[in-house]
Amino acid sequence: MSLSEGQNAPDFTLPATGEREVSLAGLRGKSFVLYFYPRADTPGCTKEACGFQEALADFKGSDVTIIGVSKDSMKALEKFAAKYGLEFPLASDPEVKTIDAYGAWVEKSMYGKKYMGIERSTVLVDGAGRIAKIWPKVKVPGHAADVLKAVRALG
């Protein structure tokens, strides 16, 4: 990841599910979580999204916004959100500008073939707009609980 903890969060404005828009400016003064995932409605991404959904009440209790980000189309994201009852915004970044700015656009390799793709990663941004914590190469089981623990540590 090209980001480091303590630096200012890169600016972004993205369309999101539920006819919402998410932006750094719109979240100013609030802590938020951006989690980057490869593709909506795939097994790992579904488990991760459902994990955040199950913990949503706890995150809201800490006054933190959860935002999932992928390069999927808005149509695919709306369908994914409806299918699994995801209440938090899923943002579409087809041009990969935000995904890249947050260090989640990386070179991957499968069967010896190299290609660019989204690394499953999460970034916690504090109310001052600074990177509070980064989770690169996320493993889904227990991840939402780890993020919640870090959110609570922010105070």
Protein backbone atom coordinates (compact mmCIF):
# COMPACT_ATOMS: atom_id res chain seq x y z
CA MET A 1 0.00 0.00 0.00
CA SER A 2 1.20 3.45 -0.85
CA LEU A 3 -0.64 4.97 2.11
CA SER A 4 0.71 5.23 5.61
CA GLU A 5 -1.01 5.72 8.93
CA GLY A 6 -1.15 9.36 10.03
CA GLN A 7 -1.22 10.86 6.53
CA ASN A 8 -4.24 12.70 5.14
CA ALA A 9 -6.81 10.50 3.43
CA PRO A 10 -6.90 10.93 -0.37
CA ASP A 11 -9.90 12.89 -1.66
CA PHE A 12 -12.75 11.00 -3.34
CA THR A 13 -16.33 11.39 -4.52
CA LEU A 14 -18.16 8.26 -5.71
CA PRO A 15 -21.72 7.23 -6.55
CA ALA A 16 -23.09 4.67 -4.09
CA THR A 17 -26.06 2.36 -3.64
CA GLY A 18 -29.39 3.75 -2.53
CA GLU A 19 -28.92 6.78 -4.81
CA ARG A 20 -26.26 8.09 -2.43
CA GLU A 21 -22.94 9.75 -3.02
CA VAL A 22 -19.96 9.26 -0.72
CA SER A 23 -17.08 11.72 -0.49
CA LEU A 24 -14.24 12.72 1.79
CA ALA A 25 -15.77 16.20 2.07
CA GLY A 26 -19.20 14.76 2.97
CA LEU A 27 -17.65 12.64 5.74
CA ARG A 28 -15.51 15.44 7.19
CA GLY A 29 -15.55 15.36 11.00
CA LYS A 30 -16.65 11.71 11.11
CA SER A 31 -14.65 8.52 11.21
CA PHE A 32 -15.29 6.09 8.37
CA VAL A 33 -14.15 2.76 6.99
CA LEU A 34 -13.43 2.18 3.31
CA TYR A 35 -13.12 -1.48 2.46
CA PHE A 36 -11.97 -2.44 -1.01
CA TYR A 37 -13.09 -5.74 -2.50
CA PRO A 38 -12.54 -7.39 -5.90
CA ARG A 39 -16.09 -8.16 -7.09
CA ALA A 40 -19.67 -8.03 -5.84
CA ASP A 41 -21.55 -11.28 -5.28
CA THR A 42 -18.50 -13.56 -5.23
CA PRO A 43 -18.02 -15.87 -2.22
CA GLY A 44 -15.29 -13.95 -0.34
CA CYS A 45 -16.77 -10.54 -1.09
CA THR A 46 -20.22 -11.70 0.01
CA LYS A 47 -18.84 -13.05 3.31
CA GLU A 48 -16.99 -9.79 3.92
CA ALA A 49 -20.03 -7.60 3.13
CA CYS A 50 -22.31 -9.75 5.30
CA GLY A 51 -19.76 -9.57 8.14
CA PHE A 52 -19.89 -5.77 8.05
CA GLN A 53 -23.70 -5.84 7.78
CA GLU A 54 -23.98 -8.11 10.85
CA ALA A 55 -21.77 -5.69 12.83
CA LEU A 56 -23.47 -2.56 11.48
CA ALA A 57 -25.34 -1.71 14.69
CA ASP A 58 -22.05 -1.81 16.61
CA PHE A 59 -20.38 0.45 14.06
CA LYS A 60 -23.31 2.88 14.15
CA GLY A 61 -23.00 2.91 17.95
CA SER A 62 -19.45 4.15 17.43
CA ASP A 63 -20.73 6.73 14.90
CA VAL A 64 -18.66 5.27 12.05
CA THR A 65 -19.72 4.94 8.42
CA ILE A 66 -18.85 1.73 6.56
CA ILE A 67 -18.36 2.02 2.78
CA GLY A 68 -17.56 -0.84 0.43
CA VAL A 69 -15.68 0.10 -2.76
CA SER A 70 -15.22 -1.92 -5.95
CA LYS A 71 -15.06 -1.24 -9.68
CA ASP A 72 -18.43 -2.93 -10.23
CA SER A 73 -21.18 -1.01 -12.04
CA MET A 74 -23.90 0.69 -9.99
CA LYS A 75 -26.40 -1.83 -11.39
CA ALA A 76 -24.33 -4.76 -10.09
CA LEU A 77 -23.86 -3.06 -6.70
CA GLU A 78 -27.58 -2.28 -6.30
CA LYS A 79 -28.40 -5.93 -7.10
CA PHE A 80 -25.74 -7.17 -4.62
CA ALA A 81 -26.97 -4.82 -1.86
CA ALA A 82 -30.61 -5.84 -2.39
CA LYS A 83 -29.80 -9.58 -2.50
CA TYR A 84 -28.02 -9.51 0.88
CA GLY A 85 -29.86 -6.63 2.58
CA LEU A 86 -26.73 -4.45 2.79
CA GLU A 87 -27.69 -1.13 4.37
CA PHE A 88 -24.32 0.60 4.18
CA PRO A 89 -23.23 2.27 0.92
CA LEU A 90 -21.42 0.29 -1.76
CA ALA A 91 -19.52 2.71 -3.98
CA SER A 92 -18.66 2.25 -7.64
CA ASP A 93 -15.19 3.25 -8.87
CA PRO A 94 -15.04 1.93 -12.46
CA GLU A 95 -12.12 4.24 -13.30
CA VAL A 96 -10.19 2.87 -10.26
CA LYS A 97 -9.06 6.37 -9.21
CA THR A 98 -10.05 6.03 -5.54
CA ILE A 99 -9.06 2.36 -5.40
CA ASP A 100 -5.61 3.31 -6.72
CA ALA A 101 -5.29 6.38 -4.46
CA TYR A 102 -5.89 4.17 -1.42
CA GLY A 103 -3.31 1.62 -2.59
CA ALA A 104 -5.73 -1.22 -3.34
CA TRP A 105 -5.01 -1.42 -7.12
CA VAL A 106 -2.11 -3.86 -7.33
CA GLU A 107 -0.39 -6.28 -9.64
CA LYS A 108 -1.67 -9.79 -9.08
CA SER A 109 -0.58 -13.12 -10.47
CA MET A 110 -2.58 -16.25 -11.28
CA TYR A 111 -1.19 -19.30 -13.04
CA GLY A 112 1.92 -17.30 -13.93
CA LYS A 113 -0.10 -14.55 -15.63
CA LYS A 114 0.26 -11.04 -14.20
CA TYR A 115 -2.64 -8.59 -14.20
CA MET A 116 -3.92 -5.57 -12.26
CA GLY A 117 -6.71 -6.05 -9.75
CA ILE A 118 -8.14 -4.99 -6.40
CA GLU A 119 -6.38 -6.24 -3.29
CA ARG A 120 -8.88 -6.91 -0.52
CA SER A 121 -7.92 -4.19 1.95
CA THR A 122 -9.48 -1.83 4.47
CA VAL A 123 -8.67 1.71 5.59
CA LEU A 124 -9.96 3.43 8.73
CA VAL A 125 -10.06 7.23 8.49
CA ASP A 126 -10.45 9.31 11.65
CA GLY A 127 -12.64 12.39 12.12
CA ALA A 128 -9.72 14.67 11.21
CA GLY A 129 -9.48 13.00 7.79
CA ARG A 130 -6.25 11.13 8.55
CA ILE A 131 -5.50 7.45 7.99
CA ALA A 132 -5.86 5.81 11.41
CA LYS A 133 -5.29 2.17 10.40
CA ILE A 134 -4.66 0.12 7.26
CA TRP A 135 -5.38 -3.57 6.76
CA PRO A 136 -3.67 -4.82 3.58
CA LYS A 137 -4.30 -8.31 2.17
CA VAL A 138 -7.41 -8.85 4.30
CA LYS A 139 -8.50 -12.34 5.30
CA VAL A 140 -12.30 -12.23 5.66
CA PRO A 141 -12.99 -14.36 8.80
CA GLY A 142 -13.05 -12.06 11.84
CA HIS A 143 -12.14 -8.96 9.83
CA ALA A 144 -15.24 -6.88 10.71
CA ALA A 145 -14.55 -7.57 14.42
CA ASP A 146 -10.90 -6.44 14.02
CA VAL A 147 -12.03 -3.23 12.33
CA LEU A 148 -14.62 -2.59 15.05
CA LYS A 149 -11.93 -3.04 17.72
CA ALA A 150 -9.77 -0.39 15.98
CA VAL A 151 -12.78 1.93 15.64
CA ARG A 152 -13.48 1.67 19.37
CA ALA A 153 -9.80 2.36 20.13
CA LEU A 154 -10.16 5.68 18.29
CA GLY A 155 -12.50 6.76 21.07
